[in-house]
Amino acid sequence: MMVVRPIERQDRKQWEPLWEGYNTFYERTIPAAITDTTWGRFFDAYEPVRALVAEDGSRLIGMVHYIFHRNTTMISPTCYLQDLFTSKEARGKGVGRALIEAIYARAKEAGAPRVYWQTHETNKTAQLLYDKVSKKSGFIVYRTDI
């Protein structure tokens, strides 16, 4: 039976393949220093970065990272769902939806009136789920690496 729960320090060995799978999907290589820093942020009370995992028995089958932040259009914080990934064998079994719904619950508890995220335009499979649990904002993202 699948359970969604906050990540724990002892999860690192199982979290890393999910993190690597996520980054491989987006065709990027993340240096070990960034992975170590990201991992540490999950457990630092002064950092806004948090993580949940989906667990089936004793196996992690999915992860989601999220950030609460302020913005200029509302008083309450908003929630950015930054990374979402499920293991190949868990796809199509409701894990992604469960992770998104868990973020919705965390946002509600925190008084955040909005959860948002981005996906690549080629990620059509994920968009099938996203179109069921949310709506497109109509905004296009521009990015410049400096």
Protein backbone atom coordinates (compact mmCIF):
# COMPACT_ATOMS: atom_id res chain seq x y z
CA MET A 1 0.00 0.00 0.00
CA MET A 2 1.39 3.38 -1.02
CA VAL A 3 1.95 6.11 1.55
CA VAL A 4 3.02 9.71 0.91
CA ARG A 5 5.12 11.11 3.72
CA PRO A 6 7.82 13.71 4.44
CA ILE A 7 11.29 12.67 3.41
CA GLU A 8 13.56 11.39 6.19
CA ARG A 9 17.34 11.40 6.48
CA GLN A 10 17.53 7.63 6.08
CA ASP A 11 15.80 7.92 2.66
CA ARG A 12 18.83 9.29 0.84
CA LYS A 13 19.95 5.97 -0.67
CA GLN A 14 16.51 5.47 -2.24
CA TRP A 15 15.91 9.14 -3.04
CA GLU A 16 19.07 9.49 -5.12
CA PRO A 17 17.95 7.16 -7.96
CA LEU A 18 14.66 9.08 -8.18
CA TRP A 19 16.55 12.39 -8.26
CA GLU A 20 18.93 11.02 -10.89
CA GLY A 21 16.01 9.69 -12.93
CA TYR A 22 14.32 13.07 -12.81
CA ASN A 23 17.44 14.86 -13.99
CA THR A 24 18.14 12.26 -16.67
CA PHE A 25 14.62 12.76 -18.01
CA TYR A 26 15.41 16.45 -18.47
CA GLU A 27 18.79 15.56 -20.01
CA ARG A 28 20.90 17.30 -17.42
CA THR A 29 23.72 16.27 -15.14
CA ILE A 30 23.66 17.73 -11.65
CA PRO A 31 27.01 18.03 -9.85
CA ALA A 32 27.34 16.12 -6.58
CA ALA A 33 27.73 19.39 -4.65
CA ILE A 34 24.29 20.54 -5.82
CA THR A 35 22.74 17.18 -4.96
CA ASP A 36 24.31 17.33 -1.49
CA THR A 37 23.11 20.91 -0.98
CA THR A 38 19.60 20.08 -2.18
CA TRP A 39 19.47 17.10 0.17
CA GLY A 40 20.61 19.22 3.11
CA ARG A 41 18.01 21.89 2.43
CA PHE A 42 15.18 19.44 3.03
CA PHE A 43 16.23 19.22 6.69
CA ASP A 44 17.22 22.84 7.33
CA ALA A 45 14.46 24.74 9.14
CA TYR A 46 15.72 28.02 7.63
CA GLU A 47 15.36 26.77 4.06
CA PRO A 48 12.00 26.88 2.25
CA VAL A 49 12.75 23.73 0.20
CA ARG A 50 10.86 20.62 1.32
CA ALA A 51 10.29 17.10 0.01
CA LEU A 52 7.74 14.33 0.19
CA VAL A 53 8.17 10.76 -0.97
CA ALA A 54 5.78 8.04 -2.03
CA GLU A 55 6.58 4.75 -0.37
CA ASP A 56 5.30 1.29 -1.27
CA GLY A 57 6.21 -1.04 1.56
CA SER A 58 9.82 -0.14 2.22
CA ARG A 59 10.55 1.13 -1.32
CA LEU A 60 10.46 4.75 -2.41
CA ILE A 61 8.59 4.98 -5.72
CA GLY A 62 8.17 8.72 -6.10
CA MET A 63 9.33 12.12 -4.90
CA VAL A 64 8.20 15.71 -5.00
CA HIS A 65 10.09 18.84 -3.96
CA TYR A 66 8.29 22.07 -3.17
CA ILE A 67 8.93 25.60 -1.99
CA PHE A 68 6.73 28.16 -0.27
CA HIS A 69 7.56 31.73 -1.25
CA ARG A 70 6.16 35.23 -1.13
CA ASN A 71 4.99 37.05 -4.21
CA THR A 72 3.67 40.45 -5.17
CA THR A 73 0.08 39.52 -5.98
CA MET A 74 -1.10 38.00 -2.71
CA ILE A 75 -0.42 38.31 1.00
CA SER A 76 -0.14 34.60 1.73
CA PRO A 77 2.74 32.54 0.39
CA THR A 78 2.37 30.55 -2.78
CA CYS A 79 3.65 27.01 -3.28
CA TYR A 80 5.93 26.08 -6.15
CA LEU A 81 5.99 22.38 -6.92
CA GLN A 82 9.52 22.21 -8.28
CA ASP A 83 10.32 18.55 -9.00
CA LEU A 84 8.00 15.57 -9.41
CA PHE A 85 9.15 12.11 -10.39
CA THR A 86 7.97 8.51 -10.07
CA SER A 87 9.88 5.34 -10.71
CA LYS A 88 9.20 3.67 -14.04
CA GLU A 89 7.34 0.75 -12.45
CA ALA A 90 5.08 3.10 -10.48
CA ARG A 91 3.87 5.13 -13.45
CA GLY A 92 0.19 5.03 -14.28
CA LYS A 93 -0.69 3.81 -10.77
CA GLY A 94 -1.74 7.11 -9.18
CA VAL A 95 1.58 7.95 -7.54
CA GLY A 96 2.03 11.29 -9.31
CA ARG A 97 -1.52 12.29 -8.50
CA ALA A 98 -1.06 11.30 -4.85
CA LEU A 99 2.10 13.40 -4.61
CA ILE A 100 0.38 16.42 -6.18
CA GLU A 101 -2.61 16.05 -3.86
CA ALA A 102 -0.24 15.85 -0.88
CA ILE A 103 1.28 19.17 -1.98
CA TYR A 104 -2.23 20.64 -2.24
CA ALA A 105 -2.86 19.52 1.35
CA ARG A 106 0.45 21.04 2.56
CA ALA A 107 -0.39 24.30 0.79
CA LYS A 108 -3.82 24.41 2.38
CA GLU A 109 -2.33 23.77 5.84
CA ALA A 110 0.17 26.61 5.26
CA GLY A 111 -2.53 29.03 4.11
CA ALA A 112 -1.14 29.16 0.58
CA PRO A 113 -3.95 29.83 -1.89
CA ARG A 114 -2.01 28.60 -4.93
CA VAL A 115 0.18 25.71 -6.07
CA TYR A 116 1.89 26.01 -9.41
CA TRP A 117 4.53 24.20 -11.43
CA GLN A 118 6.17 23.99 -14.82
CA THR A 119 6.79 21.11 -17.16
CA HIS A 120 8.56 20.90 -20.45
CA GLU A 121 6.32 21.23 -23.49
CA THR A 122 7.48 17.78 -24.67
CA ASN A 123 6.41 16.05 -21.45
CA LYS A 124 3.08 15.00 -22.91
CA THR A 125 2.57 11.99 -20.64
CA ALA A 126 2.77 14.10 -17.48
CA GLN A 127 0.51 16.72 -19.04
CA LEU A 128 -2.26 14.12 -19.30
CA LEU A 129 -2.26 13.99 -15.49
CA TYR A 130 -1.65 17.71 -14.98
CA ASP A 131 -4.63 18.60 -17.15
CA LYS A 132 -6.81 16.50 -14.81
CA VAL A 133 -5.57 17.97 -11.52
CA SER A 134 -4.92 21.59 -12.47
CA LYS A 135 -5.26 24.13 -15.25
CA LYS A 136 -2.75 25.90 -17.45
CA SER A 137 -2.06 29.45 -16.36
CA GLY A 138 -1.50 30.79 -19.85
CA PHE A 139 1.91 32.16 -18.94
CA ILE A 140 5.02 31.31 -20.92
CA VAL A 141 8.31 30.96 -19.04
CA TYR A 142 11.40 32.84 -20.22
CA ARG A 143 14.80 31.99 -18.78
CA THR A 144 18.31 33.29 -19.24
CA ASP A 145 21.29 31.52 -17.74
CA ILE A 146 23.80 34.07 -16.46
